[in-house]
C-alpha atoms as a PDB file:
ATOM      1  CA  MET A   1      89.010 119.442 105.046  1.00  0.00           C
ATOM      2  CA  VAL A   2      91.694 118.164 102.673  1.00  0.00           C
ATOM      3  CA  SER A   3      90.441 115.106 100.786  1.00  0.00           C
ATOM      4  CA  SER A   4      92.362 111.917 100.114  1.00  0.00           C
ATOM      5  CA  ARG A   5      92.060 112.609  96.396  1.00  0.00           C
ATOM      6  CA  HIS A   6      93.602 116.045  96.924  1.00  0.00           C
ATOM      7  CA  GLU A   7      96.447 114.581  98.981  1.00  0.00           C
ATOM      8  CA  ALA A   8      97.314 111.895  96.447  1.00  0.00           C
ATOM      9  CA  ALA A   9      97.407 114.367  93.551  1.00  0.00           C
ATOM     10  CA  HIS A  10     100.368 116.304  94.966  1.00  0.00           C
ATOM     11  CA  ARG A  11     101.980 113.835  97.352  1.00  0.00           C
ATOM     12  CA  ILE A  12     103.186 111.596  94.528  1.00  0.00           C
ATOM     13  CA  PHE A  13     105.616 114.365  93.535  1.00  0.00           C
ATOM     14  CA  GLN A  14     107.174 114.326  97.015  1.00  0.00           C
ATOM     15  CA  GLU A  15     107.597 110.576  97.168  1.00  0.00           C
ATOM     16  CA  ARG A  16     108.307 109.820  93.504  1.00  0.00           C
ATOM     17  CA  PRO A  17     110.230 112.886  92.233  1.00  0.00           C
ATOM     18  CA  GLU A  18     111.246 110.978  89.101  1.00  0.00           C
ATOM     19  CA  LEU A  19     107.784 112.009  87.867  1.00  0.00           C
ATOM     20  CA  LEU A  20     109.134 115.532  87.292  1.00  0.00           C
ATOM     21  CA  ALA A  21     111.088 114.622  84.146  1.00  0.00           C
ATOM     22  CA  PRO A  22     108.106 113.279  82.109  1.00  0.00           C
ATOM     23  CA  VAL A  23     105.851 115.993  83.531  1.00  0.00           C
ATOM     24  CA  PHE A  24     108.195 118.750  82.375  1.00  0.00           C
ATOM     25  CA  ARG A  25     108.231 117.179  78.901  1.00  0.00           C
ATOM     26  CA  ILE A  26     104.400 117.208  78.904  1.00  0.00           C
ATOM     27  CA  LEU A  27     104.579 120.930  79.733  1.00  0.00           C
ATOM     28  CA  ASP A  28     107.116 121.576  76.923  1.00  0.00           C
ATOM     29  CA  LEU A  29     109.832 122.516  79.420  1.00  0.00           C
ATOM     30  CA  SER A  30     113.395 121.267  79.590  1.00  0.00           C
ATOM     31  CA  PRO A  31     113.210 118.327  82.012  1.00  0.00           C
ATOM     32  CA  PRO A  32     115.449 118.412  85.100  1.00  0.00           C
ATOM     33  CA  GLU A  33     117.257 115.184  84.222  1.00  0.00           C
ATOM     34  CA  ASN A  34     119.192 113.430  87.011  1.00  0.00           C
ATOM     35  CA  ALA A  35     118.061 116.123  89.421  1.00  0.00           C
ATOM     36  CA  ALA A  36     118.291 115.867  93.179  1.00  0.00           C
ATOM     37  CA  VAL A  37     114.957 116.816  94.746  1.00  0.00           C
ATOM     38  CA  GLU A  38     114.521 118.086  98.290  1.00  0.00           C
ATOM     39  CA  VAL A  39     111.119 118.344  99.988  1.00  0.00           C
ATOM     40  CA  LEU A  40     110.762 121.693 101.769  1.00  0.00           C
ATOM     41  CA  THR A  41     108.258 122.743 104.400  1.00  0.00           C
ATOM     42  CA  PRO A  42     104.945 123.760 102.837  1.00  0.00           C
ATOM     43  CA  ASP A  43     104.445 126.417 105.526  1.00  0.00           C
ATOM     44  CA  ALA A  44     104.401 129.875 103.954  1.00  0.00           C
ATOM     45  CA  THR A  45     103.210 131.630 107.120  1.00  0.00           C
ATOM     46  CA  GLU A  46     104.956 134.766 108.342  1.00  0.00           C
ATOM     47  CA  ILE A  47     102.661 136.115 111.073  1.00  0.00           C
ATOM     48  CA  ARG A  48     100.348 133.768 112.906  1.00  0.00           C
ATOM     49  CA  PRO A  49      97.442 133.090 113.224  1.00  0.00           C
ATOM     50  CA  LEU A  50      97.122 133.749 109.483  1.00  0.00           C
ATOM     51  CA  GLU A  51      98.095 130.336 108.103  1.00  0.00           C
ATOM     52  CA  ARG A  52      99.153 129.765 104.527  1.00  0.00           C
ATOM     53  CA  ARG A  53     100.317 126.376 103.344  1.00  0.00           C
ATOM     54  CA  VAL A  54     101.307 125.216  99.889  1.00  0.00           C
ATOM     55  CA  ASP A  55     100.364 121.584  99.217  1.00  0.00           C
ATOM     56  CA  SER A  56     103.946 120.584  98.344  1.00  0.00           C
ATOM     57  CA  VAL A  57     107.188 122.500  97.869  1.00  0.00           C
ATOM     58  CA  LEU A  58     110.220 120.919  96.198  1.00  0.00           C
ATOM     59  CA  ARG A  59     113.712 122.269  95.678  1.00  0.00           C
ATOM     60  CA  VAL A  60     114.906 120.855  92.363  1.00  0.00           C
ATOM     61  CA  LYS A  61     118.656 120.650  91.784  1.00  0.00           C
ATOM     62  CA  PRO A  62     119.313 119.773  88.140  1.00  0.00           C
ATOM     63  CA  PHE A  63     122.547 118.013  87.312  1.00  0.00           C
ATOM     64  CA  ASP A  64     123.544 120.709  84.836  1.00  0.00           C
ATOM     65  CA  GLY A  65     121.608 123.830  85.852  1.00  0.00           C
ATOM     66  CA  ASP A  66     120.655 126.211  88.626  1.00  0.00           C
ATOM     67  CA  ASP A  67     118.392 125.151  91.484  1.00  0.00           C
ATOM     68  CA  PHE A  68     114.757 126.235  91.468  1.00  0.00           C
ATOM     69  CA  LEU A  69     111.686 125.836  93.655  1.00  0.00           C
ATOM     70  CA  LEU A  70     108.498 124.112  92.552  1.00  0.00           C
ATOM     71  CA  ALA A  71     105.315 124.854  94.501  1.00  0.00           C
ATOM     72  CA  ILE A  72     102.658 122.205  93.750  1.00  0.00           C
ATOM     73  CA  GLU A  73      98.950 122.781  94.337  1.00  0.00           C
ATOM     74  CA  ALA A  74      96.193 120.193  93.833  1.00  0.00           C
ATOM     75  CA  GLN A  75      93.078 122.052  92.737  1.00  0.00           C
ATOM     76  CA  GLY A  76      89.650 120.426  92.654  1.00  0.00           C
ATOM     77  CA  ARG A  77      87.522 123.393  91.561  1.00  0.00           C
ATOM     78  CA  CYS A  78      87.643 126.949  90.279  1.00  0.00           C
ATOM     79  CA  ASP A  79      88.341 129.316  93.170  1.00  0.00           C
ATOM     80  CA  PRO A  80      88.733 133.073  92.551  1.00  0.00           C
ATOM     81  CA  ASP A  81      90.525 133.505  95.897  1.00  0.00           C
ATOM     82  CA  LYS A  82      93.406 131.356  94.677  1.00  0.00           C
ATOM     83  CA  ALA A  83      94.799 134.160  92.508  1.00  0.00           C
ATOM     84  CA  VAL A  84      96.032 136.116  95.530  1.00  0.00           C
ATOM     85  CA  ASN A  85      97.104 132.989  97.424  1.00  0.00           C
ATOM     86  CA  TRP A  86      99.171 131.686  94.521  1.00  0.00           C
ATOM     87  CA  ALA A  87     100.810 135.076  93.994  1.00  0.00           C
ATOM     88  CA  TYR A  88     101.739 135.071  97.665  1.00  0.00           C
ATOM     89  CA  TYR A  89     103.161 131.532  97.563  1.00  0.00           C
ATOM     90  CA  VAL A  90     105.447 132.202  94.595  1.00  0.00           C
ATOM     91  CA  SER A  91     106.627 135.595  95.893  1.00  0.00           C
ATOM     92  CA  TYR A  92     107.183 134.353  99.435  1.00  0.00           C
ATOM     93  CA  LEU A  93     109.162 131.270  98.396  1.00  0.00           C
ATOM     94  CA  ALA A  94     111.341 133.245  95.979  1.00  0.00           C
ATOM     95  CA  ALA A  95     112.071 135.826  98.681  1.00  0.00           C
ATOM     96  CA  LYS A  96     112.655 133.331 101.497  1.00  0.00           C
ATOM     97  CA  TYR A  97     114.969 130.962  99.622  1.00  0.00           C
ATOM     98  CA  LYS A  98     116.468 133.525  97.198  1.00  0.00           C
ATOM     99  CA  GLN A  99     115.788 131.166  94.303  1.00  0.00           C
ATOM    100  CA  ARG A 100     113.616 131.065  91.208  1.00  0.00           C
ATOM    101  CA  ALA A 101     110.140 129.666  91.853  1.00  0.00           C
ATOM    102  CA  LEU A 102     107.464 128.053  89.689  1.00  0.00           C
ATOM    103  CA  LEU A 103     103.879 127.080  90.483  1.00  0.00           C
ATOM    104  CA  LEU A 104     102.467 123.770  89.226  1.00  0.00           C
ATOM    105  CA  VAL A 105      98.708 123.205  89.560  1.00  0.00           C
ATOM    106  CA  VAL A 106      97.407 119.626  89.303  1.00  0.00           C
ATOM    107  CA  CYS A 107      93.760 119.224  88.272  1.00  0.00           C
ATOM    108  CA  GLN A 108      91.569 116.200  87.690  1.00  0.00           C
ATOM    109  CA  ASP A 109      88.828 117.798  85.608  1.00  0.00           C
ATOM    110  CA  LYS A 110      89.075 119.735  82.365  1.00  0.00           C
ATOM    111  CA  ALA A 111      87.144 122.855  83.399  1.00  0.00           C
ATOM    112  CA  THR A 112      89.319 123.455  86.456  1.00  0.00           C
ATOM    113  CA  ALA A 113      92.486 122.870  84.446  1.00  0.00           C
ATOM    114  CA  GLU A 114      91.438 125.410  81.814  1.00  0.00           C
ATOM    115  CA  TRP A 115      90.666 127.980  84.503  1.00  0.00           C
ATOM    116  CA  ALA A 116      93.919 127.321  86.375  1.00  0.00           C
ATOM    117  CA  THR A 117      96.084 128.318  83.403  1.00  0.00           C
ATOM    118  CA  GLY A 118      95.301 131.958  84.198  1.00  0.00           C
ATOM    119  CA  PRO A 119      96.999 134.327  83.999  1.00  0.00           C
ATOM    120  CA  PHE A 120      95.880 135.700  87.368  1.00  0.00           C
ATOM    121  CA  ARG A 121      96.473 139.418  87.769  1.00  0.00           C
ATOM    122  CA  VAL A 122      96.724 141.270  91.069  1.00  0.00           C
ATOM    123  CA  GLY A 123      96.220 145.037  91.079  1.00  0.00           C
ATOM    124  CA  LEU A 124      93.703 147.476  89.623  1.00  0.00           C
ATOM    125  CA  ASP A 125      91.588 147.215  86.498  1.00  0.00           C
ATOM    126  CA  ASP A 126      93.937 149.520  84.602  1.00  0.00           C
ATOM    127  CA  TRP A 127      97.209 148.431  86.198  1.00  0.00           C
ATOM    128  CA  THR A 128      98.570 144.976  86.967  1.00  0.00           C
ATOM    129  CA  ALA A 129     100.997 144.909  89.873  1.00  0.00           C
ATOM    130  CA  LEU A 130     101.635 141.183  89.734  1.00  0.00           C
ATOM    131  CA  SER A 131     100.708 138.416  87.292  1.00  0.00           C
ATOM    132  CA  VAL A 132     100.751 134.683  88.031  1.00  0.00           C
ATOM    133  CA  HIS A 133     101.139 132.156  85.211  1.00  0.00           C
ATOM    134  CA  PRO A 134     100.802 128.616  86.637  1.00  0.00           C
ATOM    135  CA  LEU A 135     101.973 125.470  84.944  1.00  0.00           C
ATOM    136  CA  VAL A 136      98.944 123.171  84.756  1.00  0.00           C
ATOM    137  CA  LEU A 137      98.529 119.412  84.510  1.00  0.00           C
ATOM    138  CA  GLY A 138      95.091 117.989  83.808  1.00  0.00           C
ATOM    139  CA  PRO A 139      93.064 115.667  81.584  1.00  0.00           C
ATOM    140  CA  GLY A 140      93.871 117.818  78.558  1.00  0.00           C
ATOM    141  CA  ASN A 141      97.628 117.250  78.569  1.00  0.00           C
ATOM    142  CA  VAL A 142      98.375 114.214  80.756  1.00  0.00           C
ATOM    143  CA  PRO A 143      98.467 111.182  78.418  1.00  0.00           C
ATOM    144  CA  VAL A 144      95.874 108.416  78.621  1.00  0.00           C
ATOM    145  CA  ILE A 145      97.771 105.119  78.923  1.00  0.00           C
ATOM    146  CA  LEU A 146      95.774 102.091  77.781  1.00  0.00           C
ATOM    147  CA  ASP A 147      98.640  99.749  76.866  1.00  0.00           C
ATOM    148  CA  PRO A 148     100.082  97.613  79.714  1.00  0.00           C
ATOM    149  CA  ASP A 149     103.500  97.580  78.031  1.00  0.00           C
ATOM    150  CA  GLU A 150     103.547 101.371  77.843  1.00  0.00           C
ATOM    151  CA  ALA A 151     102.425 101.624  81.466  1.00  0.00           C
ATOM    152  CA  ALA A 152     105.172  99.225  82.539  1.00  0.00           C
ATOM    153  CA  GLN A 153     107.839 101.485  81.016  1.00  0.00           C
ATOM    154  CA  ASP A 154     107.054 104.195  83.596  1.00  0.00           C
ATOM    155  CA  LEU A 155     104.818 103.067  86.446  1.00  0.00           C
ATOM    156  CA  THR A 156     105.069 106.452  88.158  1.00  0.00           C
ATOM    157  CA  LEU A 157     103.730 108.352  85.157  1.00  0.00           C
ATOM    158  CA  ALA A 158     101.131 105.637  84.505  1.00  0.00           C
ATOM    159  CA  THR A 159      99.904 105.917  88.097  1.00  0.00           C
ATOM    160  CA  PHE A 160      99.723 109.708  87.874  1.00  0.00           C
ATOM    161  CA  SER A 161      97.844 109.364  84.583  1.00  0.00           C
ATOM    162  CA  ALA A 162      95.334 107.011  86.193  1.00  0.00           C
ATOM    163  CA  LEU A 163      94.790 109.484  89.046  1.00  0.00           C
ATOM    164  CA  THR A 164      94.303 112.355  86.600  1.00  0.00           C
ATOM    165  CA  HIS A 165      91.861 110.441  84.393  1.00  0.00           C
ATOM    166  CA  GLY A 166      89.826 108.861  87.195  1.00  0.00           C
ATOM    167  CA  SER A 167      86.624 110.359  85.753  1.00  0.00           C
ATOM    168  CA  HIS A 168      87.497 109.552  82.125  1.00  0.00           C
ATOM    169  CA  GLN A 169      85.146 107.261  80.195  1.00  0.00           C
ATOM    170  CA  ASP A 170      88.107 104.935  79.640  1.00  0.00           C
ATOM    171  CA  ALA A 171      89.054 104.855  83.339  1.00  0.00           C
ATOM    172  CA  PRO A 172      88.289 101.105  83.699  1.00  0.00           C
ATOM    173  CA  ALA A 173      90.521 100.285  80.719  1.00  0.00           C
ATOM    174  CA  ILE A 174      93.263 102.600  82.041  1.00  0.00           C
ATOM    175  CA  LEU A 175      93.191 100.892  85.435  1.00  0.00           C
ATOM    176  CA  LYS A 176      93.117  97.385  83.986  1.00  0.00           C
ATOM    177  CA  ALA A 177      96.166  98.169  81.858  1.00  0.00           C
ATOM    178  CA  LEU A 178      97.981  99.597  84.877  1.00  0.00           C
ATOM    179  CA  ALA A 179      97.072  96.600  87.039  1.00  0.00           C
ATOM    180  CA  ARG A 180      98.624  94.273  84.492  1.00  0.00           C
ATOM    181  CA  ALA A 181     101.702  96.490  84.250  1.00  0.00           C
ATOM    182  CA  MET A 182     102.173  96.305  88.028  1.00  0.00           C
ATOM    183  CA  GLY A 183     103.424  92.759  87.539  1.00  0.00           C
ATOM    184  CA  THR A 184     106.700  94.237  86.277  1.00  0.00           C
ATOM    185  CA  GLY A 185     107.323  96.367  89.366  1.00  0.00           C
ATOM    186  CA  ASP A 186     109.157  95.587  92.562  1.00  0.00           C
ATOM    187  CA  PRO A 187     106.908  94.690  95.525  1.00  0.00           C
ATOM    188  CA  ASP A 188     107.526  97.938  97.435  1.00  0.00           C
ATOM    189  CA  SER A 189     106.627 100.077  94.424  1.00  0.00           C
ATOM    190  CA  VAL A 190     103.573  97.962  93.653  1.00  0.00           C
ATOM    191  CA  ARG A 191     102.281  98.359  97.203  1.00  0.00           C
ATOM    192  CA  TYR A 192     102.883 102.123  97.094  1.00  0.00           C
ATOM    193  CA  TYR A 193     101.249 102.748  93.724  1.00  0.00           C
ATOM    194  CA  THR A 194      98.255 100.532  94.376  1.00  0.00           C
ATOM    195  CA  GLU A 195      97.492 102.184  97.697  1.00  0.00           C
ATOM    196  CA  LEU A 196      98.066 105.677  96.327  1.00  0.00           C
ATOM    197  CA  LEU A 197      95.440 104.925  93.696  1.00  0.00           C
ATOM    198  CA  GLU A 198      92.983 103.525  96.206  1.00  0.00           C
ATOM    199  CA  ILE A 199      93.383 106.668  98.290  1.00  0.00           C
ATOM    200  CA  GLY A 200      93.332 109.014  95.305  1.00  0.00           C
ATOM    201  CA  LEU A 201      90.390 107.471  93.459  1.00  0.00           C
ATOM    202  CA  GLY A 202      88.252 106.938  96.549  1.00  0.00           C
ATOM    203  CA  SER A 203      86.462 103.792  97.615  1.00  0.00           C
ATOM    204  CA  THR A 204      82.968 104.663  96.339  1.00  0.00           C
ATOM    205  CA  THR A 205      83.670 106.113  92.879  1.00  0.00           C
ATOM    206  CA  PRO A 206      83.353 103.860  89.817  1.00  0.00           C
ATOM    207  CA  ALA A 207      87.111 104.135  89.241  1.00  0.00           C
ATOM    208  CA  GLY A 208      87.845 103.396  92.898  1.00  0.00           C
ATOM    209  CA  ILE A 209      85.636 100.315  92.855  1.00  0.00           C
ATOM    210  CA  THR A 210      87.307  99.134  89.652  1.00  0.00           C
ATOM    211  CA  TRP A 211      90.729  99.565  91.218  1.00  0.00           C
ATOM    212  CA  ARG A 212      89.829  97.737  94.426  1.00  0.00           C
ATOM    213  CA  ASN A 213      88.630  94.866  92.278  1.00  0.00           C
ATOM    214  CA  GLU A 214      91.863  94.874  90.271  1.00  0.00           C
ATOM    215  CA  MET A 215      94.422  95.146  93.037  1.00  0.00           C
ATOM    216  CA  SER A 216      94.859  94.948  96.791  1.00  0.00           C
ATOM    217  CA  VAL A 217      97.052  97.519  98.477  1.00  0.00           C
ATOM    218  CA  GLY A 218      99.860  98.140 100.998  1.00  0.00           C
ATOM    219  CA  THR A 219     100.392 100.233 104.129  1.00  0.00           C
ATOM    220  CA  TYR A 220     102.041 103.486 103.035  1.00  0.00           C
ATOM    221  CA  PHE A 221      99.072 105.566 104.191  1.00  0.00           C
ATOM    222  CA  PRO A 222      98.228 104.435 107.749  1.00  0.00           C
ATOM    223  CA  GLY A 223      94.823 105.178 109.135  1.00  0.00           C
ATOM    224  CA  ARG A 224      92.998 105.209 105.788  1.00  0.00           C
ATOM    225  CA  GLY A 225      91.304 101.790 106.096  1.00  0.00           C
ATOM    226  CA  THR A 226      92.795 100.262 102.962  1.00  0.00           C
ATOM    227  CA  LEU A 227      92.515  96.523 102.399  1.00  0.00           C
ATOM    228  CA  ILE A 228      95.948  95.354 103.452  1.00  0.00           C
ATOM    229  CA  GLU A 229      96.022  97.811 106.338  1.00  0.00           C
ATOM    230  CA  GLU A 230      92.876  96.096 107.624  1.00  0.00           C
ATOM    231  CA  THR A 231      94.587  92.764 107.097  1.00  0.00           C
ATOM    232  CA  PHE A 232      97.716  93.748 108.993  1.00  0.00           C
ATOM    233  CA  LEU A 233      95.767  95.211 111.928  1.00  0.00           C
ATOM    234  CA  LYS A 234      93.704  92.058 112.186  1.00  0.00           C
ATOM    235  CA  GLY A 235      96.810  89.915 111.880  1.00  0.00           C
ATOM    236  CA  LYS A 236      98.504  91.805 114.711  1.00  0.00           C
ATOM    237  CA  ALA A 237      95.860  90.573 117.104  1.00  0.00           C
ATOM    238  CA  GLU A 238      95.979  86.987 115.866  1.00  0.00           C
ATOM    239  CA  GLY A 239      99.695  86.354 115.838  1.00  0.00           C
ATOM    240  CA  LYS A 240     102.178  87.206 113.130  1.00  0.00           C
ATOM    241  CA  ALA A 241     102.290  83.975 111.148  1.00  0.00           C
ATOM    242  CA  GLU A 242      98.570  83.300 111.369  1.00  0.00           C
ATOM    243  CA  GLY A 243      97.809  86.927 110.576  1.00  0.00           C
ATOM    244  CA  GLU A 244     100.090  87.009 107.533  1.00  0.00           C
ATOM    245  CA  ALA A 245      98.647  83.730 106.250  1.00  0.00           C
ATOM    246  CA  ARG A 246      95.178  85.195 106.567  1.00  0.00           C
ATOM    247  CA  GLY A 247      96.495  88.284 104.797  1.00  0.00           C
ATOM    248  CA  VAL A 248      97.679  86.269 101.806  1.00  0.00           C
ATOM    249  CA  LEU A 249      94.303  84.564 101.520  1.00  0.00           C
ATOM    250  CA  ARG A 250      92.403  87.829 101.962  1.00  0.00           C
ATOM    251  CA  VAL A 251      94.363  89.535  99.183  1.00  0.00           C
ATOM    252  CA  LEU A 252      93.700  86.603  96.832  1.00  0.00           C
ATOM    253  CA  GLU A 253      90.031  86.673  97.767  1.00  0.00           C
ATOM    254  CA  LYS A 254      89.705  90.441  97.220  1.00  0.00           C
ATOM    255  CA  ARG A 255      91.406  90.119  93.827  1.00  0.00           C
ATOM    256  CA  GLY A 256      88.975  87.358  92.833  1.00  0.00           C
ATOM    257  CA  ILE A 257      91.662  84.677  92.500  1.00  0.00           C
ATOM    258  CA  PRO A 258      90.270  81.202  93.350  1.00  0.00           C
ATOM    259  CA  THR A 259      92.183  78.956  95.763  1.00  0.00           C
ATOM    260  CA  LEU A 260      91.909  75.174  96.138  1.00  0.00           C
ATOM    261  CA  GLU A 261      91.614  73.613  99.591  1.00  0.00           C
ATOM    262  CA  GLU A 262      95.153  72.236  99.432  1.00  0.00           C
ATOM    263  CA  THR A 263      96.455  75.714  98.525  1.00  0.00           C
ATOM    264  CA  ARG A 264      94.664  77.282 101.474  1.00  0.00           C
ATOM    265  CA  ASP A 265      96.030  74.564 103.769  1.00  0.00           C
ATOM    266  CA  ARG A 266      99.567  75.143 102.500  1.00  0.00           C
ATOM    267  CA  ILE A 267      99.287  78.861 103.240  1.00  0.00           C
ATOM    268  CA  THR A 268      97.648  78.566 106.651  1.00  0.00           C
ATOM    269  CA  ASN A 269     100.050  75.820 107.807  1.00  0.00           C
ATOM    270  CA  CYS A 270     103.154  77.839 106.931  1.00  0.00           C
ATOM    271  CA  THR A 271     104.870  79.323 109.984  1.00  0.00           C
ATOM    272  CA  ASP A 272     107.905  80.911 108.304  1.00  0.00           C
ATOM    273  CA  LEU A 273     107.435  84.698 108.256  1.00  0.00           C
ATOM    274  CA  ASP A 274     109.899  85.300 105.411  1.00  0.00           C
ATOM    275  CA  THR A 275     108.029  82.831 103.203  1.00  0.00           C
ATOM    276  CA  LEU A 276     104.694  84.381 104.120  1.00  0.00           C
ATOM    277  CA  ASP A 277     106.090  87.834 103.350  1.00  0.00           C
ATOM    278  CA  ARG A 278     107.113  86.664  99.881  1.00  0.00           C
ATOM    279  CA  TRP A 279     103.696  85.129  99.292  1.00  0.00           C
ATOM    280  CA  LEU A 280     101.970  88.323 100.420  1.00  0.00           C
ATOM    281  CA  ASP A 281     104.056  90.377  97.993  1.00  0.00           C
ATOM    282  CA  ARG A 282     103.307  87.965  95.163  1.00  0.00           C
ATOM    283  CA  ALA A 283      99.591  87.914  96.019  1.00  0.00           C
ATOM    284  CA  LEU A 284      99.415  91.532  94.811  1.00  0.00           C
ATOM    285  CA  THR A 285     100.320  90.651  91.234  1.00  0.00           C
ATOM    286  CA  VAL A 286      99.805  86.922  90.506  1.00  0.00           C
ATOM    287  CA  SER A 287      97.172  85.689  88.058  1.00  0.00           C
ATOM    288  CA  THR A 288      96.655  82.301  89.757  1.00  0.00           C
ATOM    289  CA  ALA A 289      97.210  81.053  93.292  1.00  0.00           C
ATOM    290  CA  ASP A 290      99.830  78.559  92.071  1.00  0.00           C
ATOM    291  CA  GLU A 291     102.055  81.469  91.053  1.00  0.00           C
ATOM    292  CA  LEU A 292     102.582  82.234  94.741  1.00  0.00           C
ATOM    293  CA  PHE A 293     104.901  79.273  95.059  1.00  0.00           C
ATOM    294  CA  ALA A 294     108.278  79.385  93.348  1.00  0.00           C
ATOM    295  CA  GLU A 295     109.333  76.025  91.939  1.00  0.00           C
ATOM    296  CA  GLY A 296     111.149  74.013  94.561  1.00  0.00           C
ATOM    297  CA  GLU A 297     110.648  76.640  97.260  1.00  0.00           C
ATOM    298  CA  PRO A 298     110.316  75.092 100.747  1.00  0.00           C
ATOM    299  CA  ASP A 299     107.549  76.338 103.019  1.00  0.00           C
ATOM    300  CA  GLN A 300     109.627  75.757 106.146  1.00  0.00           C
END
């Protein structure tokens, strides 16, 4: 069964393709600047019922170069069977789309990353018919970002770094820096990144617990039981305004931000959905409950 951690490790490339430019620089490759990125089907099956699926497949169209395919695999452990599978993926995609193809393997522990660099040879002991040389991202080459200002400069890379270093001894400091940097992002991006991290780090790991304490999350991954998803589902049954008001208070509570009685009354007595939406967005990043309310803003 594919884990949430596995899904988050490759899905970020589909939904935030701007990550490719800094990643290519990490790998000492010319970055595909200003590239258009198209998500292709991950199905590499030719004859059923033998099913072969790549985690993610992107067609990258650089502004000033030829298109190429990027197959992305999230790998959680060393697996000798992957050598043949990866050779198949690269060969099949290159043949099907008549384009150059690369394989990028994303790992979250050092031993797996070192193994994944290969090369993986297919053939006989004294003759190699095919050799696979993956590009690999892991704790050894993805930067550790401990400075909130640095994280704020590229929230996508900072989020990917936090996912990659979830087991690092500095994971709490990495996540705290990223949480502070989230205050510079737009509400939609903040909701996406915070939920991606909750999904990717897990709810019972030390890093996952740290993150849930730092931030509350949005609804980009339905059905995963994340905090704001629970809030929205509960709110649906209670009425929109009442539910959203409860959502604002729940997010503040989960983030450990104290609220005075008059603040709680102001939130629960508000019936304007647009105002409540703004407060809910702000609740993800504010340091105090008073920061929810813009100066002179009417509650309606």
